[in-house]
Amino acid sequence: MDLTGSYTIPAKQSAVWAALNDPNILRESIPGCETLSMLSETEFAATIVAKIGPLKARFTGRVELSEIDPNNGYRIQGEGSGGVAGFAKGGARVHLQGAGDSTVLTYELEAQIGGKLAQLGSRLIKGVVNSMAEKFFTTLVSKISEGNSVP
């Protein structure tokens, strides 16, 4: 499954970059995120509860950042297991582009799913992923606005 999208965030590029690298902001912004901890400068461990159609599962996994271009973007790669619900793995390229007092974030996501998740159909899963992305960006913008001290 491949998804692309862009989102205009009403904040300076440096503030968006700082938020995208702050585990506390990410934990609060990712829908269903129960835990998010930094294992190193480029690696996180997470537990996320997601409801996709009739399935509700707790996914545990790791995410690693690479191809880091400070203030401009990175590649994020990870995988998680949801027990009997299945697994998800994939990655995304995230790019930031300043646009005056706003920042345009674009992403290209590729993901693979298996187990019961794979039986639900790509249309349902894409709808859930798009909904989660919208919730993520709405919360991220709110968190950036709250933390006006973020550069």
N, C-alpha and C. Protein backbone atom coordinates (compact mmCIF):
# COMPACT_ATOMS: atom_id res chain seq x y z
N MET A 1 0.85 -1.16 0.00
CA MET A 1 0.00 0.00 0.00
C MET A 1 0.90 1.23 0.00
N ASP A 2 0.62 2.17 -0.87
CA ASP A 2 1.37 3.42 -0.95
C ASP A 2 0.40 4.58 -0.79
N LEU A 3 0.82 5.56 0.00
CA LEU A 3 0.03 6.77 0.20
C LEU A 3 0.94 7.99 0.13
N THR A 4 0.43 9.06 -0.41
CA THR A 4 1.17 10.32 -0.42
C THR A 4 0.23 11.41 0.04
N GLY A 5 0.81 12.47 0.54
CA GLY A 5 -0.02 13.58 0.97
C GLY A 5 0.83 14.76 1.36
N SER A 6 0.16 15.86 1.57
CA SER A 6 0.85 17.06 2.06
C SER A 6 -0.08 17.79 3.00
N TYR A 7 0.52 18.56 3.86
CA TYR A 7 -0.24 19.28 4.87
C TYR A 7 0.47 20.60 5.13
N THR A 8 -0.27 21.69 5.11
CA THR A 8 0.32 23.00 5.40
C THR A 8 0.13 23.28 6.88
N ILE A 9 1.24 23.51 7.55
CA ILE A 9 1.25 23.74 8.99
C ILE A 9 1.56 25.22 9.22
N PRO A 10 0.71 25.93 9.95
CA PRO A 10 0.91 27.37 10.16
C PRO A 10 1.98 27.65 11.21
N ALA A 11 3.22 27.26 10.89
CA ALA A 11 4.35 27.49 11.78
C ALA A 11 5.63 27.50 10.95
N LYS A 12 6.65 28.13 11.50
CA LYS A 12 7.95 28.17 10.83
C LYS A 12 8.52 26.75 10.71
N GLN A 13 9.31 26.56 9.68
CA GLN A 13 9.90 25.26 9.40
C GLN A 13 10.69 24.72 10.58
N SER A 14 11.45 25.56 11.26
CA SER A 14 12.26 25.11 12.40
C SER A 14 11.37 24.61 13.54
N ALA A 15 10.21 25.23 13.75
CA ALA A 15 9.29 24.79 14.80
C ALA A 15 8.67 23.44 14.45
N VAL A 16 8.35 23.25 13.19
CA VAL A 16 7.78 21.96 12.75
C VAL A 16 8.83 20.87 12.90
N TRP A 17 10.05 21.17 12.49
CA TRP A 17 11.14 20.20 12.61
C TRP A 17 11.35 19.80 14.08
N ALA A 18 11.38 20.79 14.96
CA ALA A 18 11.58 20.51 16.39
C ALA A 18 10.45 19.62 16.91
N ALA A 19 9.22 19.90 16.52
CA ALA A 19 8.08 19.10 16.98
C ALA A 19 8.15 17.67 16.46
N LEU A 20 8.58 17.50 15.22
CA LEU A 20 8.67 16.17 14.62
C LEU A 20 9.78 15.32 15.23
N ASN A 21 10.62 15.95 16.03
CA ASN A 21 11.72 15.23 16.67
C ASN A 21 11.59 15.23 18.20
N ASP A 22 10.44 15.65 18.71
CA ASP A 22 10.19 15.69 20.14
C ASP A 22 9.31 14.50 20.52
N PRO A 23 9.85 13.51 21.25
CA PRO A 23 9.06 12.32 21.57
C PRO A 23 7.78 12.62 22.34
N ASN A 24 7.78 13.65 23.19
CA ASN A 24 6.56 13.98 23.95
C ASN A 24 5.47 14.50 23.03
N ILE A 25 5.83 15.39 22.10
CA ILE A 25 4.85 15.92 21.15
C ILE A 25 4.35 14.80 20.24
N LEU A 26 5.26 13.96 19.77
CA LEU A 26 4.85 12.85 18.90
C LEU A 26 3.91 11.91 19.63
N ARG A 27 4.24 11.55 20.88
CA ARG A 27 3.39 10.64 21.65
C ARG A 27 1.98 11.20 21.79
N GLU A 28 1.87 12.50 22.03
CA GLU A 28 0.56 13.11 22.18
C GLU A 28 -0.16 13.30 20.85
N SER A 29 0.59 13.34 19.75
CA SER A 29 0.00 13.59 18.43
C SER A 29 -0.42 12.33 17.69
N ILE A 30 0.27 11.23 17.93
CA ILE A 30 -0.02 9.99 17.21
C ILE A 30 -1.29 9.36 17.81
N PRO A 31 -2.34 9.21 17.01
CA PRO A 31 -3.58 8.61 17.53
C PRO A 31 -3.34 7.22 18.10
N GLY A 32 -3.83 6.99 19.31
CA GLY A 32 -3.71 5.69 19.94
C GLY A 32 -2.36 5.37 20.55
N CYS A 33 -1.44 6.32 20.55
CA CYS A 33 -0.10 6.07 21.06
C CYS A 33 -0.14 6.00 22.59
N GLU A 34 0.26 4.87 23.13
CA GLU A 34 0.31 4.71 24.58
C GLU A 34 1.69 5.04 25.13
N THR A 35 2.73 4.60 24.44
CA THR A 35 4.09 4.88 24.86
C THR A 35 4.94 5.20 23.64
N LEU A 36 5.90 6.08 23.83
CA LEU A 36 6.89 6.40 22.81
C LEU A 36 8.15 6.81 23.54
N SER A 37 9.20 6.05 23.37
CA SER A 37 10.44 6.37 24.07
C SER A 37 11.60 6.35 23.10
N MET A 38 12.54 7.24 23.34
CA MET A 38 13.74 7.31 22.52
C MET A 38 14.71 6.25 23.00
N LEU A 39 15.17 5.43 22.07
CA LEU A 39 16.18 4.44 22.37
C LEU A 39 17.57 4.99 22.05
N SER A 40 17.61 5.89 21.07
CA SER A 40 18.84 6.58 20.68
C SER A 40 18.42 7.86 19.97
N GLU A 41 19.36 8.58 19.43
CA GLU A 41 19.04 9.82 18.71
C GLU A 41 18.17 9.56 17.49
N THR A 42 18.21 8.33 16.97
CA THR A 42 17.49 8.03 15.73
C THR A 42 16.52 6.86 15.84
N GLU A 43 16.32 6.33 17.04
CA GLU A 43 15.45 5.16 17.17
C GLU A 43 14.47 5.34 18.33
N PHE A 44 13.22 4.94 18.07
CA PHE A 44 12.14 5.03 19.04
C PHE A 44 11.49 3.66 19.21
N ALA A 45 10.94 3.41 20.39
CA ALA A 45 10.09 2.24 20.63
C ALA A 45 8.70 2.79 20.94
N ALA A 46 7.67 2.10 20.45
CA ALA A 46 6.32 2.62 20.64
C ALA A 46 5.32 1.49 20.86
N THR A 47 4.23 1.86 21.54
CA THR A 47 3.06 1.00 21.67
C THR A 47 1.86 1.84 21.24
N ILE A 48 1.11 1.33 20.27
CA ILE A 48 -0.03 2.06 19.73
C ILE A 48 -1.23 1.13 19.67
N VAL A 49 -2.37 1.63 20.10
CA VAL A 49 -3.62 0.87 19.99
C VAL A 49 -4.38 1.45 18.80
N ALA A 50 -4.75 0.58 17.87
CA ALA A 50 -5.47 1.02 16.68
C ALA A 50 -6.70 0.16 16.46
N LYS A 51 -7.77 0.81 16.02
CA LYS A 51 -8.99 0.10 15.66
C LYS A 51 -9.15 0.26 14.15
N ILE A 52 -9.14 -0.87 13.48
CA ILE A 52 -9.28 -0.88 12.02
C ILE A 52 -10.44 -1.81 11.70
N GLY A 53 -11.55 -1.21 11.31
CA GLY A 53 -12.75 -2.02 11.07
C GLY A 53 -13.12 -2.75 12.35
N PRO A 54 -13.34 -4.08 12.26
CA PRO A 54 -13.74 -4.84 13.44
C PRO A 54 -12.56 -5.20 14.36
N LEU A 55 -11.34 -4.94 13.92
CA LEU A 55 -10.17 -5.32 14.70
C LEU A 55 -9.67 -4.16 15.56
N LYS A 56 -9.34 -4.48 16.79
CA LYS A 56 -8.66 -3.53 17.66
C LYS A 56 -7.43 -4.25 18.16
N ALA A 57 -6.28 -3.65 17.96
CA ALA A 57 -5.05 -4.33 18.34
C ALA A 57 -4.06 -3.35 18.95
N ARG A 58 -3.20 -3.90 19.79
CA ARG A 58 -2.11 -3.14 20.39
C ARG A 58 -0.84 -3.55 19.64
N PHE A 59 -0.26 -2.57 18.98
CA PHE A 59 0.96 -2.81 18.21
C PHE A 59 2.16 -2.33 19.02
N THR A 60 3.17 -3.16 19.07
CA THR A 60 4.44 -2.75 19.67
C THR A 60 5.50 -2.86 18.59
N GLY A 61 6.38 -1.89 18.57
CA GLY A 61 7.40 -1.92 17.55
C GLY A 61 8.45 -0.85 17.72
N ARG A 62 9.29 -0.76 16.70
CA ARG A 62 10.38 0.20 16.68
C ARG A 62 10.35 0.99 15.40
N VAL A 63 10.84 2.21 15.51
CA VAL A 63 10.93 3.11 14.37
C VAL A 63 12.34 3.69 14.35
N GLU A 64 12.91 3.79 13.17
CA GLU A 64 14.25 4.36 13.03
C GLU A 64 14.23 5.47 12.00
N LEU A 65 14.93 6.56 12.31
CA LEU A 65 15.07 7.68 11.39
C LEU A 65 16.40 7.56 10.67
N SER A 66 16.39 7.87 9.37
CA SER A 66 17.63 7.86 8.58
C SER A 66 17.54 8.96 7.53
N GLU A 67 18.59 9.11 6.78
CA GLU A 67 18.65 10.14 5.74
C GLU A 67 18.20 11.49 6.31
N ILE A 68 18.68 11.78 7.51
CA ILE A 68 18.27 12.99 8.22
C ILE A 68 18.92 14.23 7.61
N ASP A 69 18.10 15.16 7.22
CA ASP A 69 18.52 16.46 6.68
C ASP A 69 17.89 17.50 7.60
N PRO A 70 18.61 17.94 8.65
CA PRO A 70 18.02 18.82 9.67
C PRO A 70 17.22 19.98 9.08
N ASN A 71 16.04 20.18 9.64
CA ASN A 71 15.07 21.20 9.26
C ASN A 71 14.40 20.95 7.91
N ASN A 72 14.81 19.92 7.19
CA ASN A 72 14.24 19.67 5.87
C ASN A 72 13.52 18.33 5.73
N GLY A 73 13.93 17.31 6.47
CA GLY A 73 13.23 16.04 6.36
C GLY A 73 14.05 14.85 6.76
N TYR A 74 13.42 13.68 6.68
CA TYR A 74 14.09 12.42 6.97
C TYR A 74 13.27 11.27 6.40
N ARG A 75 13.86 10.10 6.52
CA ARG A 75 13.16 8.86 6.18
C ARG A 75 12.90 8.16 7.50
N ILE A 76 11.69 7.65 7.65
CA ILE A 76 11.32 6.93 8.85
C ILE A 76 10.94 5.51 8.43
N GLN A 77 11.49 4.52 9.13
CA GLN A 77 11.29 3.12 8.78
C GLN A 77 10.95 2.38 10.05
N GLY A 78 9.96 1.49 10.00
CA GLY A 78 9.63 0.75 11.21
C GLY A 78 8.75 -0.44 10.96
N GLU A 79 8.53 -1.17 12.03
CA GLU A 79 7.59 -2.29 11.97
C GLU A 79 7.03 -2.54 13.35
N GLY A 80 5.82 -3.10 13.35
CA GLY A 80 5.16 -3.38 14.61
C GLY A 80 4.34 -4.65 14.50
N SER A 81 4.16 -5.29 15.63
CA SER A 81 3.37 -6.51 15.68
C SER A 81 2.13 -6.27 16.53
N GLY A 82 1.00 -6.75 16.01
CA GLY A 82 -0.26 -6.62 16.73
C GLY A 82 -0.80 -7.96 17.18
N GLY A 83 0.09 -8.91 17.41
CA GLY A 83 -0.34 -10.24 17.84
C GLY A 83 -1.17 -10.92 16.77
N VAL A 84 -2.31 -11.49 17.16
CA VAL A 84 -3.14 -12.22 16.22
C VAL A 84 -3.73 -11.33 15.13
N ALA A 85 -3.77 -10.00 15.37
CA ALA A 85 -4.30 -9.09 14.36
C ALA A 85 -3.36 -8.99 13.16
N GLY A 86 -2.09 -9.23 13.39
CA GLY A 86 -1.14 -9.19 12.29
C GLY A 86 0.01 -8.24 12.56
N PHE A 87 0.60 -7.79 11.46
CA PHE A 87 1.75 -6.92 11.57
C PHE A 87 1.66 -5.81 10.54
N ALA A 88 2.44 -4.79 10.79
CA ALA A 88 2.56 -3.70 9.83
C ALA A 88 4.03 -3.31 9.78
N LYS A 89 4.53 -3.05 8.58
CA LYS A 89 5.88 -2.54 8.45
C LYS A 89 5.94 -1.64 7.24
N GLY A 90 6.85 -0.72 7.30
CA GLY A 90 6.96 0.18 6.17
C GLY A 90 7.80 1.39 6.51
N GLY A 91 7.68 2.39 5.68
CA GLY A 91 8.46 3.58 5.88
C GLY A 91 7.83 4.76 5.18
N ALA A 92 8.41 5.91 5.45
CA ALA A 92 7.92 7.14 4.82
C ALA A 92 9.07 8.12 4.66
N ARG A 93 8.98 8.90 3.61
CA ARG A 93 9.87 10.04 3.43
C ARG A 93 9.06 11.26 3.82
N VAL A 94 9.64 12.07 4.67
CA VAL A 94 8.99 13.29 5.14
C VAL A 94 9.86 14.46 4.70
N HIS A 95 9.22 15.44 4.05
CA HIS A 95 9.96 16.60 3.56
C HIS A 95 9.25 17.87 4.01
N LEU A 96 10.04 18.82 4.49
CA LEU A 96 9.51 20.12 4.92
C LEU A 96 9.98 21.20 3.96
N GLN A 97 9.07 22.10 3.63
CA GLN A 97 9.39 23.24 2.74
C GLN A 97 8.75 24.48 3.34
N GLY A 98 9.58 25.46 3.64
CA GLY A 98 9.08 26.71 4.18
C GLY A 98 8.24 27.45 3.16
N ALA A 99 7.17 28.08 3.63
CA ALA A 99 6.28 28.87 2.77
C ALA A 99 5.84 30.09 3.57
N GLY A 100 6.74 31.07 3.68
CA GLY A 100 6.43 32.25 4.50
C GLY A 100 6.40 31.87 5.96
N ASP A 101 5.29 32.16 6.64
CA ASP A 101 5.15 31.81 8.05
C ASP A 101 4.59 30.41 8.25
N SER A 102 4.43 29.67 7.15
CA SER A 102 3.92 28.31 7.22
C SER A 102 4.97 27.33 6.69
N THR A 103 4.68 26.05 6.89
CA THR A 103 5.55 24.99 6.40
C THR A 103 4.68 23.95 5.70
N VAL A 104 5.10 23.53 4.53
CA VAL A 104 4.40 22.46 3.82
C VAL A 104 5.16 21.16 4.10
N LEU A 105 4.46 20.22 4.72
CA LEU A 105 5.01 18.90 4.99
C LEU A 105 4.44 17.95 3.95
N THR A 106 5.30 17.27 3.23
CA THR A 106 4.85 16.25 2.27
C THR A 106 5.38 14.90 2.74
N TYR A 107 4.62 13.87 2.46
CA TYR A 107 5.06 12.53 2.84
C TYR A 107 4.72 11.54 1.75
N GLU A 108 5.56 10.54 1.65
CA GLU A 108 5.34 9.39 0.77
C GLU A 108 5.48 8.17 1.65
N LEU A 109 4.41 7.42 1.79
CA LEU A 109 4.35 6.30 2.70
C LEU A 109 4.22 5.00 1.92
N GLU A 110 5.00 4.01 2.31
CA GLU A 110 4.79 2.67 1.77
C GLU A 110 4.68 1.73 2.95
N ALA A 111 3.70 0.84 2.89
CA ALA A 111 3.46 -0.05 4.03
C ALA A 111 3.05 -1.43 3.55
N GLN A 112 3.38 -2.40 4.36
CA GLN A 112 2.96 -3.78 4.14
C GLN A 112 2.25 -4.24 5.40
N ILE A 113 1.18 -4.97 5.22
CA ILE A 113 0.46 -5.51 6.36
C ILE A 113 0.25 -7.00 6.15
N GLY A 114 0.10 -7.72 7.24
CA GLY A 114 -0.13 -9.15 7.15
C GLY A 114 -1.05 -9.60 8.27
N GLY A 115 -1.44 -10.85 8.21
CA GLY A 115 -2.34 -11.40 9.22
C GLY A 115 -3.78 -10.98 8.95
N LYS A 116 -4.59 -10.90 10.00
CA LYS A 116 -6.00 -10.55 9.85
C LYS A 116 -6.16 -9.15 9.23
N LEU A 117 -5.21 -8.26 9.50
CA LEU A 117 -5.28 -6.91 8.92
C LEU A 117 -5.37 -6.97 7.40
N ALA A 118 -4.58 -7.86 6.81
CA ALA A 118 -4.53 -7.94 5.35
C ALA A 118 -5.86 -8.39 4.76
N GLN A 119 -6.70 -9.04 5.56
CA GLN A 119 -7.99 -9.54 5.07
C GLN A 119 -9.06 -8.44 5.04
N LEU A 120 -8.79 -7.28 5.63
CA LEU A 120 -9.81 -6.24 5.74
C LEU A 120 -10.01 -5.44 4.45
N GLY A 121 -9.03 -5.45 3.59
CA GLY A 121 -9.17 -4.72 2.34
C GLY A 121 -8.47 -3.37 2.39
N SER A 122 -7.85 -3.02 1.28
CA SER A 122 -7.04 -1.81 1.25
C SER A 122 -7.87 -0.53 1.36
N ARG A 123 -9.10 -0.53 0.87
CA ARG A 123 -9.92 0.68 0.94
C ARG A 123 -10.20 1.05 2.40
N LEU A 124 -10.57 0.08 3.22
CA LEU A 124 -10.83 0.32 4.63
C LEU A 124 -9.56 0.79 5.33
N ILE A 125 -8.46 0.12 5.07
CA ILE A 125 -7.19 0.46 5.73
C ILE A 125 -6.73 1.85 5.32
N LYS A 126 -6.82 2.18 4.04
CA LYS A 126 -6.43 3.53 3.59
C LYS A 126 -7.29 4.59 4.25
N GLY A 127 -8.57 4.32 4.42
CA GLY A 127 -9.46 5.27 5.09
C GLY A 127 -9.04 5.50 6.53
N VAL A 128 -8.69 4.43 7.24
CA VAL A 128 -8.25 4.55 8.62
C VAL A 128 -6.92 5.30 8.69
N VAL A 129 -6.00 4.98 7.79
CA VAL A 129 -4.70 5.66 7.78
C VAL A 129 -4.88 7.15 7.49
N ASN A 130 -5.73 7.49 6.53
CA ASN A 130 -5.98 8.91 6.23
C ASN A 130 -6.60 9.62 7.43
N SER A 131 -7.52 8.97 8.12
CA SER A 131 -8.15 9.55 9.31
C SER A 131 -7.11 9.75 10.41
N MET A 132 -6.23 8.78 10.60
CA MET A 132 -5.18 8.90 11.61
C MET A 132 -4.22 10.03 11.26
N ALA A 133 -3.88 10.17 9.98
CA ALA A 133 -2.99 11.25 9.55
C ALA A 133 -3.62 12.61 9.84
N GLU A 134 -4.91 12.74 9.56
CA GLU A 134 -5.60 14.01 9.82
C GLU A 134 -5.58 14.34 11.31
N LYS A 135 -5.85 13.34 12.15
CA LYS A 135 -5.82 13.55 13.60
C LYS A 135 -4.41 13.91 14.06
N PHE A 136 -3.41 13.23 13.49
CA PHE A 136 -2.02 13.52 13.84
C PHE A 136 -1.68 14.98 13.55
N PHE A 137 -1.99 15.44 12.32
CA PHE A 137 -1.63 16.80 11.95
C PHE A 137 -2.41 17.84 12.75
N THR A 138 -3.67 17.58 13.02
CA THR A 138 -4.47 18.51 13.82
C THR A 138 -3.86 18.67 15.22
N THR A 139 -3.49 17.55 15.84
CA THR A 139 -2.90 17.61 17.17
C THR A 139 -1.51 18.22 17.12
N LEU A 140 -0.72 17.87 16.11
CA LEU A 140 0.63 18.43 15.97
C LEU A 140 0.58 19.95 15.87
N VAL A 141 -0.32 20.46 15.04
CA VAL A 141 -0.47 21.92 14.89
C VAL A 141 -0.84 22.54 16.23
N SER A 142 -1.73 21.91 16.96
CA SER A 142 -2.14 22.40 18.28
C SER A 142 -0.94 22.44 19.23
N LYS A 143 -0.14 21.39 19.25
CA LYS A 143 1.01 21.32 20.13
C LYS A 143 2.06 22.36 19.76
N ILE A 144 2.27 22.58 18.47
CA ILE A 144 3.23 23.60 18.03
C ILE A 144 2.73 24.98 18.45
N SER A 145 1.43 25.21 18.31
CA SER A 145 0.86 26.51 18.70
C SER A 145 0.97 26.75 20.20
N GLU A 146 0.78 25.69 21.00
CA GLU A 146 0.90 25.81 22.45
C GLU A 146 2.32 26.17 22.86
N GLY A 147 3.28 25.57 22.17
CA GLY A 147 4.69 25.76 22.54
C GLY A 147 5.35 26.83 21.73
N ASN A 148 4.83 28.06 21.82
CA ASN A 148 5.41 29.15 21.06
C ASN A 148 6.88 29.35 21.34
N SER A 149 7.40 28.71 22.40
CA SER A 149 8.82 28.81 22.70
C SER A 149 9.64 27.89 21.79
N VAL A 150 8.94 26.99 21.05
CA VAL A 150 9.65 26.13 20.12
C VAL A 150 10.23 27.02 19.03
N PRO A 151 11.51 26.85 18.68
CA PRO A 151 12.14 27.76 17.70
C PRO A 151 11.47 27.75 16.35
